[in-house]
Each structure stands twice: as structure tokens, then as C-alpha cells.
Protein backbone atom coordinates (compact mmCIF):
# COMPACT_ATOMS: atom_id res chain seq x y z
CA MET A 1 9.64 -6.98 29.18
CA LEU A 2 10.54 -6.75 32.88
CA LYS A 3 14.19 -5.78 33.31
CA VAL A 4 16.41 -8.00 35.48
CA LEU A 5 19.75 -7.25 37.18
CA LEU A 6 21.98 -10.27 37.89
CA VAL A 7 24.64 -9.98 40.65
CA ASP A 8 27.41 -12.47 41.44
CA ASP A 9 31.12 -12.12 41.99
CA GLU A 10 31.86 -15.35 40.03
CA PRO A 11 31.77 -15.01 36.21
CA GLY A 12 30.79 -18.62 35.81
CA ALA A 13 27.81 -18.22 38.18
CA LEU A 14 26.65 -15.16 36.25
CA LYS A 15 26.82 -17.05 33.00
CA SER A 16 24.94 -19.96 34.56
CA MET A 17 22.15 -17.66 35.74
CA LYS A 18 21.79 -16.12 32.30
CA TYR A 19 21.27 -19.46 30.55
CA LEU A 20 19.45 -21.34 33.24
CA VAL A 21 16.03 -20.54 31.73
CA ASP A 22 14.61 -18.71 28.70
CA TRP A 23 14.02 -15.44 30.55
CA GLU A 24 12.09 -13.87 27.73
CA GLN A 25 9.64 -16.70 27.67
CA TYR A 26 8.53 -15.58 31.18
CA GLY A 27 8.42 -11.92 30.22
CA PHE A 28 11.86 -10.93 31.59
CA GLN A 29 14.94 -9.47 29.96
CA ILE A 30 18.52 -9.52 31.37
CA ALA A 31 19.19 -5.80 31.37
CA GLY A 32 22.29 -5.64 33.60
CA GLU A 33 25.02 -7.69 35.26
CA ALA A 34 27.19 -6.77 38.27
CA ARG A 35 30.29 -8.47 39.77
CA SER A 36 29.95 -6.82 43.18
CA GLY A 37 27.41 -5.36 45.58
CA LYS A 38 28.79 -1.82 45.03
CA GLN A 39 28.55 -2.13 41.23
CA ALA A 40 24.99 -3.49 41.61
CA LEU A 41 23.98 -0.61 43.84
CA ASP A 42 25.30 1.92 41.34
CA LEU A 43 23.28 0.28 38.54
CA LEU A 44 20.15 0.08 40.69
CA GLU A 45 20.33 3.79 41.54
CA ARG A 46 20.82 4.83 37.89
CA ASN A 47 18.43 2.41 36.09
CA ASP A 48 14.93 1.13 36.39
CA TYR A 49 14.92 -2.63 37.09
CA SER A 50 11.95 -4.83 37.90
CA LEU A 51 13.81 -7.74 39.53
CA LEU A 52 17.08 -8.32 41.32
CA VAL A 53 18.72 -11.75 41.41
CA THR A 54 21.75 -11.80 43.67
CA ASP A 55 24.33 -13.93 45.46
CA ILE A 56 24.81 -13.51 49.23
CA ARG A 57 28.54 -13.76 49.88
CA MET A 58 30.49 -11.19 47.89
CA PRO A 59 33.52 -9.03 48.70
CA GLY A 60 32.78 -5.49 49.95
CA ILE A 61 29.04 -4.96 49.98
CA ASP A 62 27.57 -8.46 50.30
CA GLY A 63 24.09 -9.55 49.22
CA LEU A 64 22.38 -8.82 52.53
CA GLU A 65 23.81 -5.25 52.70
CA LEU A 66 22.90 -4.70 49.09
CA ILE A 67 19.29 -5.70 49.76
CA CYS A 68 19.17 -3.48 52.87
CA LYS A 69 20.42 -0.39 50.92
CA LEU A 70 18.08 -1.20 47.99
CA ARG A 71 15.06 -1.08 50.35
CA GLU A 72 15.87 2.52 51.18
CA PHE A 73 14.71 3.60 47.71
CA SER A 74 13.02 0.64 45.98
CA GLN A 75 10.68 -2.24 46.74
CA ILE A 76 11.43 -4.33 43.63
CA PRO A 77 11.30 -8.09 44.20
CA VAL A 78 14.59 -9.87 45.03
CA ILE A 79 15.55 -13.52 44.50
CA VAL A 80 18.66 -14.78 46.33
CA MET A 81 20.77 -17.63 44.85
CA SER A 82 23.37 -18.86 47.32
CA GLY A 83 25.66 -21.88 47.85
CA TYR A 84 25.35 -21.53 51.61
CA GLU A 85 22.49 -23.31 53.35
CA GLU A 86 22.56 -21.31 56.59
CA PHE A 87 19.37 -20.56 58.50
CA GLY A 88 20.73 -17.13 59.57
CA TYR A 89 21.05 -16.06 55.90
CA VAL A 90 17.56 -17.29 55.07
CA LYS A 91 16.04 -15.59 58.12
CA GLU A 92 17.67 -12.21 57.28
CA CYS A 93 16.60 -12.45 53.67
CA MET A 94 12.96 -13.14 54.64
CA LYS A 95 13.03 -10.16 57.02
CA ARG A 96 14.03 -7.91 54.07
CA GLY A 97 11.17 -9.13 51.86
CA VAL A 98 13.13 -11.45 49.61
CA LYS A 99 10.86 -13.54 47.31
CA ASP A 100 12.82 -16.78 47.80
CA TYR A 101 16.21 -18.17 48.80
CA LEU A 102 17.41 -20.71 46.26
CA LEU A 103 20.35 -23.01 46.86
CA LYS A 104 22.95 -23.45 44.13
CA PRO A 105 22.91 -25.26 41.84
CA VAL A 106 19.49 -23.81 41.14
CA GLY A 107 17.07 -26.01 39.22
CA GLU A 108 15.29 -24.69 36.14
CA GLU A 109 11.91 -25.72 37.53
CA ASP A 110 12.39 -23.77 40.74
CA LEU A 111 13.43 -20.58 38.98
CA SER A 112 10.67 -20.93 36.36
CA ARG A 113 8.12 -21.22 39.17
CA LEU A 114 9.40 -18.09 40.85
CA LEU A 115 9.51 -16.07 37.66
CA THR A 116 5.91 -17.01 36.86
CA THR A 117 4.83 -15.90 40.33
CA VAL A 118 6.76 -12.57 40.08
CA LYS A 119 5.30 -11.82 36.64
CA SER A 120 1.78 -12.61 37.85
CA GLU A 121 2.21 -10.28 40.86
CA PHE A 122 3.48 -7.52 38.59
CA ALA A 123 0.48 -7.89 36.30
CA SER A 124 -1.95 -7.80 39.24
CA GLN A 125 -0.34 -4.69 40.71
CA GLN A 126 -0.31 -2.89 37.34
CA LEU A 127 -4.02 -3.74 36.89
CA LEU A 128 -4.82 -2.38 40.36
CA ASP A 129 -2.81 0.79 39.75
CA MET A 130 -4.54 1.27 36.40
CA GLN A 131 -7.99 0.77 37.96
CA LEU A 132 -7.22 3.28 40.68
CA TYR A 133 -5.79 5.74 38.14
CA LEU A 134 -8.63 5.44 35.64
CA GLY A 135 -11.51 4.84 38.02
CA ILE A 136 -12.72 8.35 38.66
CA PRO A 137 -11.81 9.78 35.17
CA ALA A 138 -13.68 6.79 33.58
CA MET A 139 -16.75 7.56 35.70
CA ARG A 140 -16.59 11.20 34.69
CA ASP A 141 -16.17 10.24 31.04
CA GLN A 142 -19.23 8.00 31.09
CA LEU A 143 -21.43 10.47 32.94
CA LEU A 144 -20.56 13.40 30.62
CA LYS A 145 -20.95 11.29 27.53
CA LYS A 146 -24.43 10.13 28.60
CA TRP A 147 -25.50 13.58 29.72
CA VAL A 148 -24.59 15.50 26.57
CA ARG A 149 -26.33 12.80 24.55
CA GLY A 150 -29.52 13.13 26.65
CA VAL A 151 -29.30 9.65 28.06
CA VAL A 152 -29.06 11.00 31.60
CA LYS A 153 -30.99 14.08 32.68
CA GLU A 154 -29.35 16.80 34.78
CA GLU A 155 -31.67 16.11 37.71
CA GLU A 156 -30.68 12.42 37.77
CA ALA A 157 -26.98 13.22 37.51
CA ALA A 158 -26.87 16.04 40.08
CA GLU A 159 -25.53 13.84 42.85
CA GLN A 160 -22.86 12.30 40.65
CA PHE A 161 -21.91 15.82 39.40
CA GLU A 162 -21.17 16.80 42.96
CA LEU A 163 -19.19 13.63 43.64
CA LEU A 164 -17.09 14.07 40.50
CA LYS A 165 -16.71 17.86 41.02
CA ILE A 166 -18.56 18.82 37.87
CA LYS A 167 -20.20 22.24 38.19
CA VAL A 168 -23.14 23.03 35.93
CA MET A 169 -24.81 26.38 36.39
CA THR A 170 -28.17 27.29 34.93
CA GLY A 171 -28.10 30.45 32.84
CA ASP A 172 -24.44 30.08 31.72
CA SER A 173 -23.32 29.57 28.13
CA TYR A 174 -22.29 26.07 27.09
CA CYS A 175 -21.35 24.29 23.94
CA CYS A 176 -20.04 20.84 22.89
CA LEU A 177 -17.20 20.11 20.57
CA PHE A 178 -15.79 16.84 19.27
CA VAL A 179 -12.08 16.42 18.47
CA GLU A 180 -11.15 13.67 16.00
CA MET A 181 -7.59 12.43 15.86
CA GLU A 182 -6.52 12.08 12.20
CA PHE A 183 -3.55 9.70 12.83
CA LEU A 184 -6.00 6.90 13.79
CA GLU A 185 -7.59 7.07 10.35
CA THR A 186 -4.58 7.54 8.14
CA GLY A 187 -1.78 6.67 10.45
CA ASP A 188 1.22 4.32 10.21
CA SER A 189 -0.15 0.79 10.12
CA PHE A 190 3.05 -0.40 11.77
CA TRP A 191 2.23 1.34 15.04
CA THR A 192 1.56 -1.00 17.89
CA ASP A 193 -1.47 -0.70 20.14
CA ALA A 194 0.81 0.62 22.87
CA GLU A 195 2.15 3.37 20.60
CA ILE A 196 -1.37 4.36 19.62
CA GLN A 197 -2.44 4.56 23.29
CA ILE A 198 0.57 6.76 24.05
CA LYS A 199 -0.49 9.14 21.28
CA ARG A 200 -4.08 9.24 22.50
CA PHE A 201 -2.88 9.84 26.08
CA ALA A 202 -0.67 12.67 24.89
CA VAL A 203 -3.57 14.28 22.96
CA ARG A 204 -5.80 14.04 26.04
CA ASN A 205 -3.16 15.59 28.31
CA VAL A 206 -2.65 18.53 26.00
CA MET A 207 -6.39 19.13 25.62
CA GLU A 208 -6.95 18.99 29.37
CA ASP A 209 -4.26 21.64 29.81
CA VAL A 210 -5.89 23.87 27.19
CA ILE A 211 -9.43 23.68 28.55
CA ALA A 212 -8.50 23.83 32.21
CA GLY A 213 -11.11 25.98 33.97
CA SER A 214 -13.17 26.33 30.77
CA GLY A 215 -14.87 22.96 30.56
CA TYR A 216 -14.78 19.17 30.99
CA MET A 217 -13.36 16.57 28.69
CA PHE A 218 -14.51 13.02 28.01
CA GLU A 219 -13.80 10.15 25.69
CA GLU A 220 -16.48 9.93 22.99
CA SER A 221 -14.98 6.98 21.11
CA PHE A 222 -11.55 5.47 20.33
CA GLU A 223 -10.77 8.19 17.76
CA ARG A 224 -12.76 11.05 19.25
CA TYR A 225 -12.67 13.12 22.44
CA GLY A 226 -15.61 15.29 23.49
CA VAL A 227 -15.49 18.53 25.41
CA LEU A 228 -18.38 20.18 27.32
CA LEU A 229 -17.18 23.78 27.07
CA HIS A 230 -18.18 26.69 29.31
CA PRO A 231 -16.95 29.73 27.31
CA GLN A 232 -15.94 32.58 29.68
CA GLY A 233 -17.55 35.28 27.66
CA SER A 234 -19.74 38.19 28.74
CA GLY A 235 -22.84 36.10 28.37
CA GLU A 236 -23.68 37.41 24.87
CA ASP A 237 -23.98 34.69 22.25
CA ASP A 238 -21.48 36.24 19.83
CA ASP A 239 -18.92 36.77 22.54
CA SER A 240 -19.27 33.20 23.88
CA SER A 241 -19.02 31.83 20.34
CA GLU A 242 -15.84 33.77 19.71
CA GLU A 243 -14.34 32.45 22.94
CA ALA A 244 -15.30 28.88 21.98
CA MET A 245 -13.63 29.32 18.62
CA ARG A 246 -10.47 30.66 20.27
CA ILE A 247 -10.35 27.57 22.51
CA CYS A 248 -10.78 25.28 19.52
CA GLU A 249 -7.90 27.02 17.75
CA ARG A 250 -5.68 26.58 20.83
CA ILE A 251 -6.61 22.90 21.07
CA ARG A 252 -5.78 22.32 17.37
CA ASP A 253 -2.47 24.25 17.55
CA CYS A 254 -1.25 22.87 20.87
CA VAL A 255 -2.07 19.26 20.02
CA ALA A 256 -0.17 19.65 16.72
CA LYS A 257 2.79 21.26 18.48
CA TYR A 258 3.14 19.11 21.62
CA ALA A 259 1.50 15.80 20.76
CA LYS A 260 2.46 15.89 17.06
CA VAL A 261 -1.07 14.81 16.11
CA ALA A 262 -3.43 16.50 13.58
CA VAL A 263 -7.01 16.91 14.67
CA THR A 264 -10.29 17.97 13.16
CA ILE A 265 -12.79 19.73 15.41
CA GLY A 266 -16.55 19.87 15.11
CA LEU A 267 -17.93 22.79 17.14
CA GLY A 268 -21.54 22.82 18.26
CA GLU A 269 -23.69 25.89 18.67
CA VAL A 270 -23.54 27.83 21.93
CA VAL A 271 -26.60 27.34 24.16
CA CYS A 272 -27.70 29.23 27.20
CA SER A 273 -29.00 26.40 29.39
CA PRO A 274 -27.74 22.98 30.42
CA ARG A 275 -31.03 21.58 29.20
CA GLU A 276 -30.02 22.61 25.63
CA ILE A 277 -26.66 20.79 25.79
CA VAL A 278 -28.11 17.93 23.72
CA ARG A 279 -28.76 20.33 20.82
CA SER A 280 -25.20 21.59 20.92
CA CYS A 281 -23.92 18.01 20.96
CA TYR A 282 -26.08 17.16 17.98
CA THR A 283 -24.71 20.17 16.07
CA ALA A 284 -21.09 19.21 16.90
CA ASP A 285 -21.79 15.74 15.47
CA GLN A 286 -23.14 17.28 12.30
CA MET A 287 -20.09 19.49 11.92
CA LEU A 288 -17.64 16.59 12.12
CA ASP A 289 -19.72 14.64 9.61
CA ARG A 290 -18.94 17.44 7.10
CA LYS A 291 -15.20 16.74 7.39
CA PHE A 292 -15.06 15.08 3.96
CA LEU A 293 -16.38 18.33 2.47
CA VAL A 294 -14.24 20.77 4.30
CA GLY A 295 -11.10 18.70 4.75
CA SER A 296 -9.15 17.34 7.70
CA GLU A 297 -7.31 19.42 10.28
CA ALA A 298 -10.07 22.04 10.20
CA ILE A 299 -12.41 23.58 12.78
CA ILE A 300 -15.91 23.11 11.41
CA THR A 301 -18.52 25.41 12.75
CA PRO A 302 -22.20 26.07 11.93
CA ASN A 303 -20.95 29.15 10.01
CA GLY A 304 -23.93 31.22 10.95
CA LEU A 305 -26.50 28.61 9.85
CA GLU A 306 -29.64 29.58 11.70
CA ALA A 307 -30.62 26.72 13.99
CA THR A 308 -34.16 25.61 14.39
CA ASP A 309 -34.92 23.97 17.67
CA GLY A 310 -33.62 20.46 18.14
CA TRP A 311 -36.77 18.63 17.07
CA SER A 312 -37.21 20.68 13.88
CA ALA A 313 -33.63 19.65 13.04
CA LEU A 314 -34.64 16.02 13.57
CA GLU A 315 -37.54 16.57 11.21
CA GLU A 316 -35.08 17.88 8.59
CA ILE A 317 -33.06 14.64 9.00
CA GLN A 318 -36.19 12.59 8.43
CA HIS A 319 -36.81 14.36 5.09
CA VAL A 320 -33.18 13.70 4.15
CA GLN A 321 -33.61 10.01 4.89
CA TYR A 322 -36.60 9.88 2.55
CA VAL A 323 -34.41 11.08 -0.25
CA VAL A 324 -31.51 8.74 0.64
CA GLU A 325 -33.84 5.73 0.70
CA ALA A 326 -35.02 6.65 -2.79
CA VAL A 327 -31.38 6.81 -3.93
CA LYS A 328 -30.67 3.36 -2.36
CA GLU A 329 -33.63 1.94 -4.36
CA LEU A 330 -32.32 3.64 -7.58
CA ASP A 331 -35.65 5.45 -7.95
CA ARG A 332 -34.76 8.64 -9.86
CA GLU A 333 -38.36 9.77 -10.19
CA ARG A 334 -38.98 9.55 -6.46
CA VAL A 335 -35.76 11.46 -5.72
CA SER A 336 -36.82 14.28 -8.01
CA ARG A 337 -40.34 14.32 -6.56
CA GLN A 338 -39.08 14.43 -2.94
CA LEU A 339 -36.63 17.25 -3.65
CA ALA A 340 -39.17 19.28 -5.64
CA GLY A 341 -41.72 18.90 -2.86
CA ARG A 342 -39.24 20.02 -0.21
CA MET A 343 -38.24 23.04 -2.30
CA HIS A 344 -41.89 24.01 -2.68
CA ASP A 345 -42.46 23.78 1.12
CA TYR A 346 -39.36 25.91 1.80
CA ALA A 347 -40.48 28.59 -0.64
CA LYS A 348 -44.05 28.60 0.71
CA GLN A 349 -42.84 28.91 4.35
CA HIS A 350 -40.18 31.51 3.53
CA THR A 351 -37.59 29.27 5.17
CA PRO A 352 -34.25 31.00 5.91
CA LYS A 353 -31.53 30.32 3.35
CA SER A 354 -29.24 29.02 6.11
CA ILE A 355 -31.68 26.20 6.98
CA VAL A 356 -31.99 25.20 3.29
CA LYS A 357 -28.16 25.02 3.09
CA SER A 358 -28.04 22.94 6.23
CA MET A 359 -30.52 20.43 4.74
CA VAL A 360 -28.51 20.16 1.50
CA LEU A 361 -25.28 19.63 3.47
CA GLU A 362 -26.94 16.88 5.53
CA LEU A 363 -28.12 15.19 2.34
CA VAL A 364 -24.65 15.26 0.73
CA VAL A 365 -23.09 13.88 3.98
CA ASN A 366 -25.56 11.02 4.04
CA LEU A 367 -25.01 10.20 0.36
CA PHE A 368 -21.27 10.06 1.03
CA ARG A 369 -21.79 7.82 4.04
CA LEU A 370 -24.00 5.50 1.97
CA VAL A 371 -21.45 5.04 -0.84
CA ARG A 372 -18.53 4.58 1.57
CA GLU A 373 -20.33 1.96 3.68
CA LEU A 374 -21.16 -0.05 0.60
CA GLY A 375 -17.45 -0.14 -0.30
CA ILE A 376 -17.99 1.62 -3.62
CA PRO A 377 -15.43 4.09 -5.02
CA TYR A 378 -16.69 7.62 -4.24
CA GLU A 379 -13.87 9.89 -5.47
CA SER A 380 -15.66 10.77 -8.70
CA ILE A 381 -18.72 12.03 -6.77
CA PHE A 382 -17.30 13.42 -3.59
CA ASN A 383 -13.91 15.05 -3.69
CA LEU A 384 -12.36 17.94 -1.79
CA ASN A 385 -11.10 19.36 -5.08
CA LEU A 386 -14.72 19.66 -6.28
CA ASN A 387 -15.33 22.21 -3.49
CA ASP A 388 -18.89 20.88 -2.77
CA TYR A 389 -18.85 22.73 0.57
CA GLY A 390 -18.09 26.02 -1.08
CA THR A 391 -20.76 25.44 -3.73
CA ILE A 392 -23.44 24.95 -1.07
CA MET A 393 -22.35 27.80 1.18
CA GLU A 394 -22.01 30.31 -1.61
CA ALA A 395 -25.22 29.47 -3.43
CA LYS A 396 -27.38 32.60 -3.97
CA LYS A 397 -30.59 30.96 -5.09
CA MET A 398 -32.58 28.05 -3.66
CA GLU A 399 -33.13 26.65 -7.16
CA LYS A 400 -29.35 26.30 -7.62
CA LEU A 401 -29.02 24.52 -4.25
CA PHE A 402 -31.67 21.95 -5.21
CA GLU A 403 -30.21 21.55 -8.66
CA PHE A 404 -26.92 20.76 -6.97
CA ALA A 405 -28.57 18.32 -4.56
CA GLU A 406 -30.44 16.47 -7.30
CA ASN A 407 -27.25 16.21 -9.39
CA LYS A 408 -25.40 14.57 -6.42
CA CYS A 409 -28.29 12.12 -5.97
CA MET A 410 -28.28 11.13 -9.64
CA GLN A 411 -24.51 10.72 -9.70
CA THR A 412 -24.75 8.47 -6.67
CA ILE A 413 -27.43 6.31 -8.33
CA GLU A 414 -25.28 5.96 -11.46
CA GLN A 415 -22.35 4.89 -9.34
CA LEU A 416 -24.51 2.40 -7.52
CA GLU A 417 -25.74 0.98 -10.80
CA ARG A 418 -22.27 0.77 -12.31
CA SER A 419 -20.70 -0.94 -9.29
CA MET A 420 -21.53 -4.60 -9.42
CA PRO A 421 -21.69 -6.29 -6.03
CA PRO A 422 -18.22 -7.51 -5.07
CA GLN A 423 -17.59 -11.18 -5.89
CA PRO A 424 -16.95 -12.56 -2.40
CA ALA A 425 -14.92 -15.56 -3.47
CA ASN A 426 -12.56 -13.58 -5.72
CA THR A 427 -12.13 -10.74 -3.23
CA VAL A 428 -11.46 -13.11 -0.34
CA GLN A 429 -8.95 -15.11 -2.31
CA LEU A 430 -7.10 -11.91 -3.11
CA VAL A 431 -7.07 -10.98 0.59
CA LYS A 432 -5.67 -14.45 1.45
CA ARG A 433 -2.87 -14.05 -1.12
CA ILE A 434 -1.95 -10.67 0.38
CA VAL A 435 -1.81 -12.24 3.83
CA GLU A 436 0.36 -15.09 2.60
CA SER A 437 2.91 -12.65 1.18
CA GLU A 438 2.77 -9.89 3.81
CA TYR A 439 2.13 -11.73 7.12
CA GLY A 440 5.59 -10.72 8.32
CA THR A 441 4.60 -7.01 8.21
CA ASN A 442 2.21 -5.10 10.43
CA ILE A 443 -0.79 -5.71 8.07
CA SER A 444 -4.33 -5.23 9.16
CA LEU A 445 -7.82 -5.50 7.72
CA ARG A 446 -7.79 -1.72 7.16
CA SER A 447 -4.48 -1.70 5.29
CA ILE A 448 -5.59 -4.56 3.01
CA ALA A 449 -9.00 -2.92 2.44
CA SER A 450 -7.24 0.12 1.07
CA GLN A 451 -5.30 -2.12 -1.32
CA VAL A 452 -8.47 -3.70 -2.70
CA TYR A 453 -10.39 -0.38 -2.62
CA MET A 454 -13.10 -1.56 -0.22
CA ASN A 455 -14.59 -0.48 3.06
CA ALA A 456 -12.82 -2.34 5.87
CA ALA A 457 -15.95 -3.30 7.80
CA TYR A 458 -17.66 -4.58 4.62
CA LEU A 459 -14.55 -6.52 3.65
CA GLY A 460 -14.47 -8.13 7.08
CA GLN A 461 -18.05 -9.28 6.69
CA LEU A 462 -17.31 -10.72 3.23
CA PHE A 463 -14.29 -12.58 4.54
CA LYS A 464 -16.12 -14.14 7.46
CA ALA A 465 -19.09 -15.13 5.30
CA GLU A 466 -16.82 -16.90 2.79
CA GLU A 467 -14.25 -18.43 5.12
CA GLY A 468 -16.32 -19.05 8.23
CA ILE A 469 -13.72 -17.30 10.44
CA SER A 470 -12.77 -13.65 10.97
CA PHE A 471 -9.88 -11.98 9.13
CA ASN A 472 -7.92 -11.62 12.37
CA ASP A 473 -8.31 -15.32 13.20
CA HIS A 474 -7.09 -16.22 9.68
CA LEU A 475 -4.08 -13.90 10.01
CA LEU A 476 -3.31 -15.45 13.40
CA ARG A 477 -3.45 -18.96 11.96
CA VAL A 478 -1.12 -18.06 9.08
CA ARG A 479 1.38 -16.46 11.44
CA MET A 480 1.32 -19.22 14.00
CA GLU A 481 1.69 -21.99 11.39
CA ARG A 482 4.67 -20.16 9.94
CA ALA A 483 6.14 -19.71 13.40
CA LYS A 484 5.83 -23.43 14.07
CA GLU A 485 7.71 -24.12 10.80
CA LEU A 486 10.51 -21.71 11.73
CA LEU A 487 10.86 -23.15 15.22
CA LEU A 488 11.21 -26.69 13.85
CA ALA A 489 13.22 -26.06 10.75
CA THR A 490 15.65 -23.27 11.80
CA GLU A 491 17.90 -22.25 14.69
CA LEU A 492 16.23 -18.81 14.96
CA LYS A 493 15.68 -17.55 18.50
CA ALA A 494 12.16 -16.93 19.66
CA TYR A 495 12.34 -13.14 19.26
CA GLU A 496 13.66 -13.63 15.70
CA VAL A 497 10.75 -15.91 14.88
CA ALA A 498 8.34 -13.36 16.35
CA GLN A 499 9.76 -10.60 14.15
CA ALA A 500 9.68 -12.83 11.11
CA VAL A 501 5.94 -13.44 11.45
CA GLY A 502 4.98 -9.87 12.11
CA TYR A 503 5.15 -9.43 15.89
CA ARG A 504 7.10 -6.50 17.36
CA GLU A 505 5.89 -7.22 20.94
CA LEU A 506 7.55 -10.47 22.10
CA ASP A 507 5.20 -10.83 25.10
CA TRP A 508 2.26 -10.70 22.67
CA PHE A 509 3.83 -13.37 20.44
CA TYR A 510 4.50 -15.67 23.43
CA LYS A 511 0.89 -15.28 24.61
CA ARG A 512 -0.57 -15.92 21.17
CA PHE A 513 1.67 -18.92 20.47
CA LYS A 514 0.81 -20.48 23.84
CA GLU A 515 -2.93 -20.00 23.19
CA TYR A 516 -2.65 -21.43 19.69
CA THR A 517 -0.48 -24.49 20.41
CA GLY A 518 -0.99 -25.04 24.09
CA MET A 519 2.81 -24.93 24.51
CA SER A 520 5.54 -22.41 24.90
CA THR A 521 8.00 -21.87 22.06
CA SER A 522 10.74 -23.81 23.90
CA GLU A 523 8.39 -26.70 24.72
CA PHE A 524 7.23 -26.86 21.10
CA ARG A 525 10.78 -26.89 19.78
CA ASN A 526 11.91 -29.57 22.27
CA ARG A 527 9.04 -31.87 21.36
């Protein structure tokens, strides 16, 4: 809401201005009233207003002098309402950048038109400011994100690196890390989008302070930030890895302390050439995927797992996928055959124990992902209390590792067999009943999915397939229909109706209602 200060020395005129239009409908809020130019000036100096509406003739500091003094420290728009139709006043007001000079009694239509114009100009200016503010950081984010993923080669990006002041030196140590914000996964479902953005912005600010001079930060996804780190070690791998770990610890601790957000960090391996950054990025991804084994709010590192080159690692993933496909097809015999064959190959090639552990970890992560994406309960198979991560990392014999891997595969197959496909009609009807009873709260598809023990994305697909519209469109329809009923059948004010149907942001409610009905709330009620 844009804050408005009303100024007039006549109490009746002030009251008239307050109730001339539904200010909130146009995105404004009466945040202050003054009976004199001096009182108005004091309020303007102490508070942040977005619009001044003032009379001209007032005792002491009149309207013209007030506007003149205001322009010394603020350029907020000004609307003059006066009972004096004098060209001299109009001319002076225009010289001082007044939006308009309205003669009393002011018509509702004239003021409504002006407020719409002022709000539109504010929105345009905010968009421009945001574009200027985010322009270069957004370009840097996109370039770094593409480069660490191997989409853009260093040679192709060299010119952009120079433009964006990114220094990449051949021969230095580098590593990637990904920081996942836990509040976005398990956070308060009543948070507004604006509150979430403030949290994300705070996390980014803290992280940029921590890594200043040691690397570059970029947005990987809505819940993840990435960092291209340049550890300032002596050049030795161990020294650089220790420095990278210290930076991760500072990120975790500072974000918790100053932004009040818990994070989980996946740290990639340290590489000695920019050309190997992709491998470090891949490893960081793998580490974060192991979060369900290690737990949230941790720093997950390769833990000394010996790394094959990037393409050998991709070959390992391919073998893991063969096993996962057999699990999906409920083929126990093929699962056992695939695992036995892989164990034989490892033994024959004298494969390092760390690589075998890495393969088993990757398999367990993929099994977990499979069960979760299908919306099937997974707690009996994958649970932090089961200490699967410790079992893998502490295994002394390869036979034990593969016995563990085969057991997880068989448990997953059993769970897949026991879990009948969700009955779309029954599930969707339950979701609709929850919406009907809880539309006045800050419900979401994710919060309802947790109530019905299903994956949110899968539940959304079921709902749309059954109802022909998305869950969000259905929720909007329920809320808007209830809002229409309240506007017609009660004396509740617009903001009270908004709160009753689950909207904390009044602007957002007005916008949605207008889109849904083609009318503002006041127009709808009047008709």
C-alpha cells in the first residue's frame, strides 16, 4: 500500500477527503493527517509517504510553501485540492511539479483518475529501478550458472567475464558448492511471497559478505544458491580443500546467525583448472542429493571418496540407472543379476573401496528419489534414524556393501508392490473438502499434499487430470466465490473480506478479484 498524507486546516475538508474514494481500492492507505503546513512538514520529515494531498490556503505555512520545502528533500507526487480558482495558484503549483490542481468540491471520478495514474507511475518506476538494480547481477548469475554446468565454455565467455569483472585464472584451485535453504522446504506455509523473497535476499547478502574476495555467487534455483569458490590456499589440494571447508562453515554459521535461516551445503571436489569446474559442480550436486541420508543443516563433502574423471563418474551413473530401471519394473532377478555383475567387475578391476561406496550411495539416492516422486511413503525404507549413510561409509567389505544395496532395492520393490496406485477421484475429492474448510488460511498444494501423504507435484497432476483445472485455479475460484458472497451478504469492509478468504496482501486480493469478476469490490457490491 502506498502511504498518503492529507493536509487541510478544516476538519470537515479532511473528513471529506478521507471518504471521497475507497483509497485502498487504488492501492493507497491514509497514513497521516495534518491541520497545518507546519504539522505536515514535521510528518513528512519523520515518515515515509508516497503521496501528499494538500489544500493551498492555510494559516502559517500555506500549501505552496509546504510544497516548496518538501522539494528540498523529497520528490513524492503532490495533488492540490483548493476552493480557489486562481491562475496564479495553478501556475505556481505546476512549476513545483504538482500532479494536478483540483477544485473543491472534488469529484470522485477526478480523484480516481489521478490515483490510478499515480499508482501506475509508481509501478513503472519500481520496475525500472528493479531492472537497473538486478540487471548486471542477473547477467552474472546466468553466465556463472551456465559455465559451471558446461553449457558455456570459458573461451566463449571470456569477453563477458571481463565485462562482468569475473576473474578466472588457469592453474588456480577452484571448487563449486551449492547452498540449499531449508525454510523453503519445511517453512511456515503462512509466509507470503514477499516474506520469502526477503529471507532469500538476506541469505544472499550474508553469503556475499562471507565469500567476498574468495569467489562468485549465483542463483542456481529458487531454493538453492551456487558458489564458484577460489580457495586461497597454498595451491596444495589438501590445503585448498580445508580452506573451502572453512568457508562453508562460515556460510552456514553466519546465515543461521544473521539471516535466521538453516542451510545445507553440498561441497564439490577441489579442481586445479577452470576446465574441470564442471566436475566439481557435478560432485556438489551429488553431495546435496545425499541430504536425506546425512540430514539437513549439514556440510556434505566427498569425504575422501576417490574421484574418477568426470566421464567415468557418468558411467557409474549409467550402471546405477540400469538397477533402478529393474526396480521400477519389479524385476528382482534382474536387480540381483545387475548388482552381482557389478560387484564381479569391481573385484576383477581392483576398484578402490571409495568408488564402490560412491556407487552404492548414488543407488540409494536414486531409489529414494524414485519412491518420493511416485508419492509413496518412504519412511520405512529411508530414514535418518536408520543411519544408512554411516552403514555405507563404515562398511569394511565389498560383499557387505552390495548386500546392503540389494536389500534396499528389494525393500523398495516391496513398497512399490504394496502401494496401490492412488485413486484419483477419492484423493481429489479429499483435497476439495480440505479447500472448502481451510480456504481462509494460507493453504497451498504443498501443505495439503503433506496432509494426504503424497508428493505435491504428483498430487497436482492428479487434480488437474480429474478436475480439468489446476489446484491453484480451483483454490482461486473457491476464494473468489466466497468473497462475492461476503460482499453481497455482509457489511464487511474489503480488507476484512480479503482476510476472511485467505489473503494477507490487500493489493493482491483486489487484483485477483478484478481479474475474476471484471469489477472492483466496490463496483460489485454496488451492482
